[in-house]
C-alpha atoms as a PDB file:
ATOM      1  CA  MET A   1     -28.133  -8.859  38.135  1.00  0.00           C
ATOM      2  CA  ARG A   2     -31.908  -9.514  38.007  1.00  0.00           C
ATOM      3  CA  ARG A   3     -33.173 -11.322  34.810  1.00  0.00           C
ATOM      4  CA  MET A   4     -35.426  -9.039  32.587  1.00  0.00           C
ATOM      5  CA  HIS A   5     -38.138 -11.557  31.893  1.00  0.00           C
ATOM      6  CA  GLU A   6     -40.738  -8.861  31.774  1.00  0.00           C
ATOM      7  CA  CYS A   7     -39.191  -7.193  28.679  1.00  0.00           C
ATOM      8  CA  ARG A   8     -39.687  -8.499  25.233  1.00  0.00           C
ATOM      9  CA  TRP A   9     -35.976  -8.345  24.264  1.00  0.00           C
ATOM     10  CA  THR A  10     -34.288 -10.875  21.964  1.00  0.00           C
ATOM     11  CA  LYS A  11     -32.453 -13.710  23.537  1.00  0.00           C
ATOM     12  CA  ASP A  12     -29.099 -12.234  22.450  1.00  0.00           C
ATOM     13  CA  ILE A  13     -29.896  -8.982  24.093  1.00  0.00           C
ATOM     14  CA  VAL A  14     -30.772 -10.786  27.358  1.00  0.00           C
ATOM     15  CA  ARG A  15     -27.581 -12.814  27.128  1.00  0.00           C
ATOM     16  CA  ALA A  16     -25.486  -9.612  26.533  1.00  0.00           C
ATOM     17  CA  SER A  17     -27.097  -7.947  29.639  1.00  0.00           C
ATOM     18  CA  LEU A  18     -26.353 -11.013  31.850  1.00  0.00           C
ATOM     19  CA  LEU A  19     -22.587 -10.903  30.857  1.00  0.00           C
ATOM     20  CA  GLY A  20     -22.046  -7.372  30.063  1.00  0.00           C
ATOM     21  CA  GLY A  21     -24.038  -5.876  32.768  1.00  0.00           C
ATOM     22  CA  ALA A  22     -22.380  -7.957  35.340  1.00  0.00           C
ATOM     23  CA  LEU A  23     -19.491  -5.528  35.252  1.00  0.00           C
ATOM     24  CA  VAL A  24     -21.396  -3.627  37.979  1.00  0.00           C
ATOM     25  CA  GLY A  25     -21.572  -6.515  40.265  1.00  0.00           C
ATOM     26  CA  CYS A  26     -19.609  -7.103  43.395  1.00  0.00           C
ATOM     27  CA  GLN A  27     -18.685 -10.742  43.157  1.00  0.00           C
ATOM     28  CA  SER A  28     -15.328 -11.903  44.399  1.00  0.00           C
ATOM     29  CA  ARG A  29     -12.376 -12.312  42.150  1.00  0.00           C
ATOM     30  CA  ALA A  30     -12.224 -15.902  43.198  1.00  0.00           C
ATOM     31  CA  ARG A  31     -15.596 -16.690  41.924  1.00  0.00           C
ATOM     32  CA  ASP A  32     -14.652 -14.955  38.561  1.00  0.00           C
ATOM     33  CA  ASP A  33     -11.558 -16.922  38.163  1.00  0.00           C
ATOM     34  CA  ALA A  34     -13.145 -20.170  39.032  1.00  0.00           C
ATOM     35  CA  PHE A  35     -15.794 -19.500  36.221  1.00  0.00           C
ATOM     36  CA  LEU A  36     -12.894 -19.065  33.754  1.00  0.00           C
ATOM     37  CA  THR A  37     -11.494 -22.471  34.765  1.00  0.00           C
ATOM     38  CA  THR A  38     -14.749 -24.118  34.564  1.00  0.00           C
ATOM     39  CA  ARG A  39     -14.616 -26.922  31.946  1.00  0.00           C
ATOM     40  CA  VAL A  40     -17.836 -27.131  29.933  1.00  0.00           C
ATOM     41  CA  PRO A  41     -19.126 -29.037  26.900  1.00  0.00           C
ATOM     42  CA  VAL A  42     -18.673 -26.574  23.956  1.00  0.00           C
ATOM     43  CA  ALA A  43     -22.090 -27.627  22.563  1.00  0.00           C
ATOM     44  CA  ARG A  44     -23.596 -26.326  25.826  1.00  0.00           C
ATOM     45  CA  LEU A  45     -21.692 -23.081  25.844  1.00  0.00           C
ATOM     46  CA  ASP A  46     -24.739 -21.030  25.034  1.00  0.00           C
ATOM     47  CA  SER A  47     -26.770 -22.361  28.148  1.00  0.00           C
ATOM     48  CA  VAL A  48     -23.756 -22.102  30.424  1.00  0.00           C
ATOM     49  CA  LEU A  49     -23.303 -18.324  29.507  1.00  0.00           C
ATOM     50  CA  GLU A  50     -27.175 -17.708  30.106  1.00  0.00           C
ATOM     51  CA  ALA A  51     -26.701 -19.223  33.584  1.00  0.00           C
ATOM     52  CA  ALA A  52     -23.615 -17.026  34.386  1.00  0.00           C
ATOM     53  CA  ASP A  53     -25.714 -14.023  35.622  1.00  0.00           C
ATOM     54  CA  SER A  54     -23.573 -13.389  38.810  1.00  0.00           C
ATOM     55  CA  ILE A  55     -20.237 -13.506  37.129  1.00  0.00           C
ATOM     56  CA  ARG A  56     -18.090 -10.407  36.448  1.00  0.00           C
ATOM     57  CA  LEU A  57     -16.442 -10.324  33.111  1.00  0.00           C
ATOM     58  CA  PRO A  58     -14.765  -7.640  31.073  1.00  0.00           C
ATOM     59  CA  LEU A  59     -17.233  -6.405  28.398  1.00  0.00           C
ATOM     60  CA  ALA A  60     -14.850  -7.452  25.583  1.00  0.00           C
ATOM     61  CA  ASP A  61     -14.573 -11.012  26.952  1.00  0.00           C
ATOM     62  CA  ALA A  62     -18.362 -11.256  27.267  1.00  0.00           C
ATOM     63  CA  ARG A  63     -18.828 -10.135  23.605  1.00  0.00           C
ATOM     64  CA  VAL A  64     -16.085 -12.877  22.586  1.00  0.00           C
ATOM     65  CA  LEU A  65     -17.902 -15.559  24.326  1.00  0.00           C
ATOM     66  CA  LEU A  66     -21.354 -14.485  23.126  1.00  0.00           C
ATOM     67  CA  GLY A  67     -19.825 -14.362  19.494  1.00  0.00           C
ATOM     68  CA  VAL A  68     -18.534 -17.958  19.817  1.00  0.00           C
ATOM     69  CA  ALA A  69     -21.771 -19.314  21.445  1.00  0.00           C
ATOM     70  CA  GLY A  70     -23.894 -17.660  18.701  1.00  0.00           C
ATOM     71  CA  ASP A  71     -21.846 -19.118  15.797  1.00  0.00           C
ATOM     72  CA  VAL A  72     -22.266 -22.705  14.844  1.00  0.00           C
ATOM     73  CA  ARG A  73     -19.117 -22.533  12.695  1.00  0.00           C
ATOM     74  CA  SER A  74     -17.024 -21.318  15.633  1.00  0.00           C
ATOM     75  CA  LEU A  75     -18.508 -24.118  17.875  1.00  0.00           C
ATOM     76  CA  ILE A  76     -17.673 -26.759  15.232  1.00  0.00           C
ATOM     77  CA  ARG A  77     -14.080 -25.391  14.891  1.00  0.00           C
ATOM     78  CA  LEU A  78     -13.290 -25.500  18.705  1.00  0.00           C
ATOM     79  CA  PRO A  79     -10.366 -27.968  19.146  1.00  0.00           C
ATOM     80  CA  HIS A  80     -12.073 -30.095  21.868  1.00  0.00           C
ATOM     81  CA  ASP A  81     -15.557 -31.281  22.863  1.00  0.00           C
ATOM     82  CA  THR A  82     -14.888 -29.821  26.444  1.00  0.00           C
ATOM     83  CA  MET A  83     -12.881 -26.790  27.243  1.00  0.00           C
ATOM     84  CA  THR A  84     -12.580 -24.296  29.921  1.00  0.00           C
ATOM     85  CA  ILE A  85     -14.085 -20.890  29.587  1.00  0.00           C
ATOM     86  CA  GLY A  86     -10.715 -19.371  29.568  1.00  0.00           C
ATOM     87  CA  GLU A  87      -9.477 -21.807  26.916  1.00  0.00           C
ATOM     88  CA  ILE A  88     -12.398 -20.807  24.733  1.00  0.00           C
ATOM     89  CA  LEU A  89     -11.628 -17.163  25.281  1.00  0.00           C
ATOM     90  CA  ALA A  90      -7.887 -17.765  24.251  1.00  0.00           C
ATOM     91  CA  TRP A  91      -8.963 -19.777  21.149  1.00  0.00           C
ATOM     92  CA  ALA A  92     -11.347 -17.088  20.008  1.00  0.00           C
ATOM     93  CA  ARG A  93      -9.022 -14.261  20.489  1.00  0.00           C
ATOM     94  CA  ALA A  94      -6.379 -16.121  18.369  1.00  0.00           C
ATOM     95  CA  GLU A  95      -8.765 -17.054  15.788  1.00  0.00           C
ATOM     96  CA  ARG A  96      -9.832 -13.288  15.479  1.00  0.00           C
ATOM     97  CA  ALA A  97      -6.138 -12.232  15.423  1.00  0.00           C
ATOM     98  CA  GLN A  98      -5.537 -14.579  12.665  1.00  0.00           C
ATOM     99  CA  ARG A  99      -8.434 -13.377  10.589  1.00  0.00           C
ATOM    100  CA  GLU A 100      -7.430  -9.788  10.899  1.00  0.00           C
ATOM    101  CA  SER A 101      -3.891 -10.669  10.021  1.00  0.00           C
ATOM    102  CA  LEU A 102      -4.876 -12.512   6.911  1.00  0.00           C
ATOM    103  CA  ALA A 103      -7.313  -9.828   5.896  1.00  0.00           C
ATOM    104  CA  ALA A 104      -4.504  -7.268   6.322  1.00  0.00           C
ATOM    105  CA  ARG A 105      -2.100  -9.185   4.134  1.00  0.00           C
ATOM    106  CA  ALA A 106      -4.767  -9.668   1.636  1.00  0.00           C
ATOM    107  CA  THR A 107      -5.479  -5.852   1.518  1.00  0.00           C
ATOM    108  CA  ALA A 108      -1.729  -5.102   1.278  1.00  0.00           C
ATOM    109  CA  ALA A 109      -1.199  -7.578  -1.574  1.00  0.00           C
ATOM    110  CA  GLU A 110      -4.215  -6.271  -3.437  1.00  0.00           C
ATOM    111  CA  ARG A 111      -2.966  -2.689  -3.087  1.00  0.00           C
ATOM    112  CA  ALA A 112       0.533  -3.750  -4.264  1.00  0.00           C
ATOM    113  CA  ARG A 113      -1.056  -5.497  -7.391  1.00  0.00           C
ATOM    114  CA  ALA A 114      -3.124  -2.372  -8.179  1.00  0.00           C
ATOM    115  CA  ALA A 115      -0.127  -0.100  -7.852  1.00  0.00           C
ATOM    116  CA  GLU A 116       1.971  -2.382 -10.159  1.00  0.00           C
ATOM    117  CA  HIS A 117      -0.846  -2.650 -12.614  1.00  0.00           C
ATOM    118  CA  GLY A 118      -1.159   1.114 -12.455  1.00  0.00           C
ATOM    119  CA  ARG A 119       2.443   1.715 -13.211  1.00  0.00           C
ATOM    120  CA  GLN A 120       2.317  -0.626 -16.266  1.00  0.00           C
ATOM    121  CA  LEU A 121      -0.741   1.164 -17.557  1.00  0.00           C
ATOM    122  CA  ASP A 122       0.793   4.549 -17.157  1.00  0.00           C
ATOM    123  CA  SER A 123       3.677   3.348 -19.441  1.00  0.00           C
ATOM    124  CA  LEU A 124       1.275   2.162 -22.229  1.00  0.00           C
ATOM    125  CA  LEU A 125      -0.585   5.255 -23.262  1.00  0.00           C
ATOM    126  CA  ALA A 126      -0.357   8.970 -23.231  1.00  0.00           C
ATOM    127  CA  VAL A 127      -3.497  11.213 -23.168  1.00  0.00           C
ATOM    128  CA  THR A 128      -3.681  14.882 -23.835  1.00  0.00           C
ATOM    129  CA  VAL A 129      -6.413  17.399 -24.394  1.00  0.00           C
ATOM    130  CA  VAL A 130      -5.501  19.390 -27.646  1.00  0.00           C
ATOM    131  CA  ASP A 131      -8.603  21.654 -27.694  1.00  0.00           C
ATOM    132  CA  LYS A 132     -11.560  22.883 -25.728  1.00  0.00           C
ATOM    133  CA  SER A 133     -14.272  25.054 -27.156  1.00  0.00           C
ATOM    134  CA  TYR A 134     -17.861  26.383 -26.408  1.00  0.00           C
ATOM    135  CA  LEU A 135     -20.651  25.645 -28.835  1.00  0.00           C
ATOM    136  CA  PRO A 136     -23.716  27.805 -28.299  1.00  0.00           C
ATOM    137  CA  LYS A 137     -27.015  26.586 -29.586  1.00  0.00           C
ATOM    138  CA  ASP A 138     -27.604  27.333 -33.219  1.00  0.00           C
ATOM    139  CA  PRO A 139     -31.010  26.205 -34.757  1.00  0.00           C
ATOM    140  CA  ASP A 140     -29.710  26.939 -38.171  1.00  0.00           C
ATOM    141  CA  LYS A 141     -27.055  24.196 -37.682  1.00  0.00           C
ATOM    142  CA  GLU A 142     -29.626  21.932 -36.046  1.00  0.00           C
ATOM    143  CA  ARG A 143     -27.912  22.389 -32.640  1.00  0.00           C
ATOM    144  CA  TYR A 144     -30.655  23.122 -30.227  1.00  0.00           C
ATOM    145  CA  ASP A 145     -28.575  23.041 -26.910  1.00  0.00           C
ATOM    146  CA  ASP A 146     -25.309  24.555 -25.824  1.00  0.00           C
ATOM    147  CA  PHE A 147     -22.247  22.119 -25.682  1.00  0.00           C
ATOM    148  CA  ILE A 148     -18.582  22.015 -24.691  1.00  0.00           C
ATOM    149  CA  SER A 149     -16.342  20.143 -27.011  1.00  0.00           C
ATOM    150  CA  LEU A 150     -13.116  18.435 -25.872  1.00  0.00           C
ATOM    151  CA  THR A 151     -10.672  17.055 -28.438  1.00  0.00           C
ATOM    152  CA  PHE A 152      -8.278  14.327 -27.035  1.00  0.00           C
ATOM    153  CA  ALA A 153      -5.230  12.913 -28.536  1.00  0.00           C
ATOM    154  CA  TYR A 154      -4.001   9.288 -27.733  1.00  0.00           C
ATOM    155  CA  ARG A 155      -0.482   8.049 -28.248  1.00  0.00           C
ATOM    156  CA  ASN A 156       0.600   4.406 -27.808  1.00  0.00           C
ATOM    157  CA  THR A 157       3.803   4.568 -25.727  1.00  0.00           C
ATOM    158  CA  GLY A 158       4.072   0.884 -25.160  1.00  0.00           C
ATOM    159  CA  PRO A 159       5.718  -1.988 -27.187  1.00  0.00           C
ATOM    160  CA  LYS A 160       2.396  -3.760 -28.258  1.00  0.00           C
ATOM    161  CA  PRO A 161      -0.513  -2.711 -30.588  1.00  0.00           C
ATOM    162  CA  ILE A 162      -3.528  -1.552 -28.588  1.00  0.00           C
ATOM    163  CA  ARG A 163      -6.967  -2.308 -29.626  1.00  0.00           C
ATOM    164  CA  ALA A 164      -9.008  -0.443 -27.015  1.00  0.00           C
ATOM    165  CA  PHE A 165      -8.643   1.320 -23.667  1.00  0.00           C
ATOM    166  CA  GLU A 166     -10.371   3.089 -20.845  1.00  0.00           C
ATOM    167  CA  GLY A 167      -9.806   5.332 -18.059  1.00  0.00           C
ATOM    168  CA  ASP A 168     -10.705   8.604 -16.137  1.00  0.00           C
ATOM    169  CA  VAL A 169      -9.650  12.178 -17.162  1.00  0.00           C
ATOM    170  CA  THR A 170      -9.693  14.828 -14.637  1.00  0.00           C
ATOM    171  CA  PHE A 171      -9.364  18.529 -15.175  1.00  0.00           C
ATOM    172  CA  LEU A 172      -7.604  20.333 -12.197  1.00  0.00           C
ATOM    173  CA  GLY A 173      -7.506  24.060 -11.397  1.00  0.00           C
ATOM    174  CA  THR A 174      -4.340  26.091 -10.575  1.00  0.00           C
ATOM    175  CA  VAL A 175      -4.639  24.980  -6.894  1.00  0.00           C
ATOM    176  CA  GLY A 176      -5.126  21.381  -7.770  1.00  0.00           C
ATOM    177  CA  ASP A 177      -8.875  21.321  -7.228  1.00  0.00           C
ATOM    178  CA  THR A 178     -11.049  19.224  -9.520  1.00  0.00           C
ATOM    179  CA  ILE A 179     -12.897  21.227 -12.177  1.00  0.00           C
ATOM    180  CA  TYR A 180     -14.383  18.285 -14.102  1.00  0.00           C
ATOM    181  CA  SER A 181     -13.898  14.604 -14.516  1.00  0.00           C
ATOM    182  CA  ALA A 182     -15.265  11.915 -16.853  1.00  0.00           C
ATOM    183  CA  HIS A 183     -14.672   8.333 -17.761  1.00  0.00           C
ATOM    184  CA  LEU A 184     -13.350   7.575 -21.350  1.00  0.00           C
ATOM    185  CA  LYS A 185     -13.857   4.391 -23.298  1.00  0.00           C
ATOM    186  CA  VAL A 186     -11.936   4.285 -26.612  1.00  0.00           C
ATOM    187  CA  ASP A 187     -12.252   1.489 -29.160  1.00  0.00           C
ATOM    188  CA  GLN A 188      -9.544   2.514 -31.533  1.00  0.00           C
ATOM    189  CA  PRO A 189      -6.400   0.474 -32.652  1.00  0.00           C
ATOM    190  CA  LEU A 190      -3.074   2.164 -32.127  1.00  0.00           C
ATOM    191  CA  ARG A 191       0.282   0.929 -33.312  1.00  0.00           C
ATOM    192  CA  PRO A 192       3.319   1.407 -30.988  1.00  0.00           C
ATOM    193  CA  GLY A 193       4.313   5.073 -31.387  1.00  0.00           C
ATOM    194  CA  GLN A 194       1.164   6.092 -33.137  1.00  0.00           C
ATOM    195  CA  THR A 195      -0.928   9.082 -32.150  1.00  0.00           C
ATOM    196  CA  TRP A 196      -4.581   9.383 -32.812  1.00  0.00           C
ATOM    197  CA  ARG A 197      -6.621  12.604 -32.514  1.00  0.00           C
ATOM    198  CA  GLU A 198     -10.160  11.767 -31.654  1.00  0.00           C
ATOM    199  CA  PRO A 199     -12.988  14.208 -33.074  1.00  0.00           C
ATOM    200  CA  GLY A 200     -14.342  16.435 -30.320  1.00  0.00           C
ATOM    201  CA  ARG A 201     -16.177  14.873 -27.582  1.00  0.00           C
ATOM    202  CA  ILE A 202     -19.416  16.685 -26.857  1.00  0.00           C
ATOM    203  CA  ILE A 203     -20.790  17.563 -23.435  1.00  0.00           C
ATOM    204  CA  LYS A 204     -24.255  18.978 -23.243  1.00  0.00           C
ATOM    205  CA  TYR A 205     -23.759  22.315 -21.131  1.00  0.00           C
ATOM    206  CA  ASN A 206     -25.826  22.762 -18.137  1.00  0.00           C
ATOM    207  CA  PRO A 207     -25.271  26.413 -16.718  1.00  0.00           C
ATOM    208  CA  PHE A 208     -26.700  25.292 -13.339  1.00  0.00           C
ATOM    209  CA  ARG A 209     -23.908  22.744 -12.793  1.00  0.00           C
ATOM    210  CA  ALA A 210     -20.797  24.486 -11.409  1.00  0.00           C
ATOM    211  CA  GLU A 211     -18.486  21.984 -12.849  1.00  0.00           C
ATOM    212  CA  HIS A 212     -19.863  22.732 -16.331  1.00  0.00           C
ATOM    213  CA  THR A 213     -19.567  26.538 -15.787  1.00  0.00           C
ATOM    214  CA  ARG A 214     -15.805  26.210 -14.688  1.00  0.00           C
ATOM    215  CA  LEU A 215     -14.963  23.802 -17.468  1.00  0.00           C
ATOM    216  CA  ARG A 216     -16.408  26.222 -20.002  1.00  0.00           C
ATOM    217  CA  THR A 217     -14.836  29.466 -18.597  1.00  0.00           C
ATOM    218  CA  THR A 218     -11.393  28.164 -17.576  1.00  0.00           C
ATOM    219  CA  PRO A 219      -8.800  28.317 -20.350  1.00  0.00           C
ATOM    220  CA  LEU A 220      -7.183  24.966 -21.113  1.00  0.00           C
ATOM    221  CA  SER A 221      -3.835  26.594 -20.477  1.00  0.00           C
ATOM    222  CA  LYS A 222      -4.982  27.243 -16.834  1.00  0.00           C
ATOM    223  CA  MET A 223      -5.822  23.527 -16.281  1.00  0.00           C
ATOM    224  CA  THR A 224      -3.945  20.408 -15.656  1.00  0.00           C
ATOM    225  CA  VAL A 225      -5.305  17.256 -17.251  1.00  0.00           C
ATOM    226  CA  VAL A 226      -4.638  14.067 -15.305  1.00  0.00           C
ATOM    227  CA  TRP A 227      -5.246  10.615 -17.046  1.00  0.00           C
ATOM    228  CA  ARG A 228      -5.777   7.614 -14.941  1.00  0.00           C
ATOM    229  CA  PRO A 229      -5.939   4.495 -17.114  1.00  0.00           C
ATOM    230  CA  SER A 230      -8.023   1.543 -15.874  1.00  0.00           C
ATOM    231  CA  ALA A 231      -7.615  -1.095 -18.704  1.00  0.00           C
ATOM    232  CA  VAL A 232      -5.779  -1.476 -21.949  1.00  0.00           C
ATOM    233  CA  VAL A 233      -6.780  -4.390 -24.354  1.00  0.00           C
ATOM    234  CA  PHE A 234      -4.113  -5.342 -26.905  1.00  0.00           C
ATOM    235  CA  THR A 235      -4.770  -6.672 -30.467  1.00  0.00           C
ATOM    236  CA  ASP A 236      -3.449 -10.068 -29.559  1.00  0.00           C
ATOM    237  CA  GLY A 237      -6.419 -10.457 -26.917  1.00  0.00           C
ATOM    238  CA  THR A 238      -4.360  -9.848 -23.830  1.00  0.00           C
ATOM    239  CA  ARG A 239      -5.047  -6.903 -21.508  1.00  0.00           C
ATOM    240  CA  VAL A 240      -3.703  -5.065 -18.400  1.00  0.00           C
ATOM    241  CA  SER A 241      -6.100  -3.510 -15.821  1.00  0.00           C
ATOM    242  CA  VAL A 242      -5.909  -2.120 -12.407  1.00  0.00           C
ATOM    243  CA  THR A 243      -7.396  -5.356 -11.078  1.00  0.00           C
ATOM    244  CA  ALA A 244      -5.597  -8.177 -13.077  1.00  0.00           C
ATOM    245  CA  ASP A 245      -3.781  -9.180 -16.168  1.00  0.00           C
ATOM    246  CA  ARG A 246      -5.367 -11.617 -18.369  1.00  0.00           C
ATOM    247  CA  ASP A 247      -4.038 -13.510 -21.288  1.00  0.00           C
ATOM    248  CA  ALA A 248      -5.960 -14.486 -24.305  1.00  0.00           C
ATOM    249  CA  PRO A 249      -7.684 -17.963 -24.147  1.00  0.00           C
END
C-alpha cells in the first residue's frame, strides 16, 4: 500500500490507512504470522506500526494496536518492556474485556440499587389528585390569564415522620398515553398515617399546547395518575432517594 504523503491527513489517519487498508494486500500468510510473533520494545510500538505498511491485519486487530500505541496509559500498563505484537494484541483484548465486564457489573449494581430505593420510596408516601378545575380569566378577581387548578393529597404511609419530598406525577389517558406530567416538590411535615390536602396548584393555561388542552378537557375520572417519588427527607435528617440513602451527619 503506497503512503499518502501528498495528503494533509493527520498522523492517526495515515497509520489507520497503513494497517486497515492493508486488508486488500496480497502478502503471504507466513509474513503476517511472522509480524505477530515479532518482539518489539513497547515504547516503540508506534513507529513499528507505521513501518508495517505491507502487513495484512484484520481491521479490528489494527484498531486495537493503534489504540494501544496512541494511549500512553496503555503503554505504561503493558506487563513487559518488550513483547510480541500478538502478545500486545492479546493483552489489549483482555483489558478491554475486563473494562466492559466491570462497566456492565457497575451498571447492573446501580440499577439494582435504584430499583430497591424505588421500592422503598413507593412504600413511604401515597399521592392522589382529588380535584381538577379550569379557571378562566376574570379581571374582576384580578385573574388575567386562564389557569388549570390541581389539588393533591399526600399521605405518609411509612413508619417515620416526613419533612419534605419530591417526585414526578404523570396523568395517563385511557390507553396509557401521557397527557401531562410535572415535577412536584413539597416542603410539608407529615406524621406517620397523616394526610395533608394541598391547596390547588395553578398551571397557566396555554391553548396552543396539546397537553394543556387534554389536561383541561379530560375528566379526572378518565385519567390514571402515576406518582414516581425521587426523594423523601425525614424529620431526623435522614433521607431516601432513587440514587442513595443518606444518614444525618
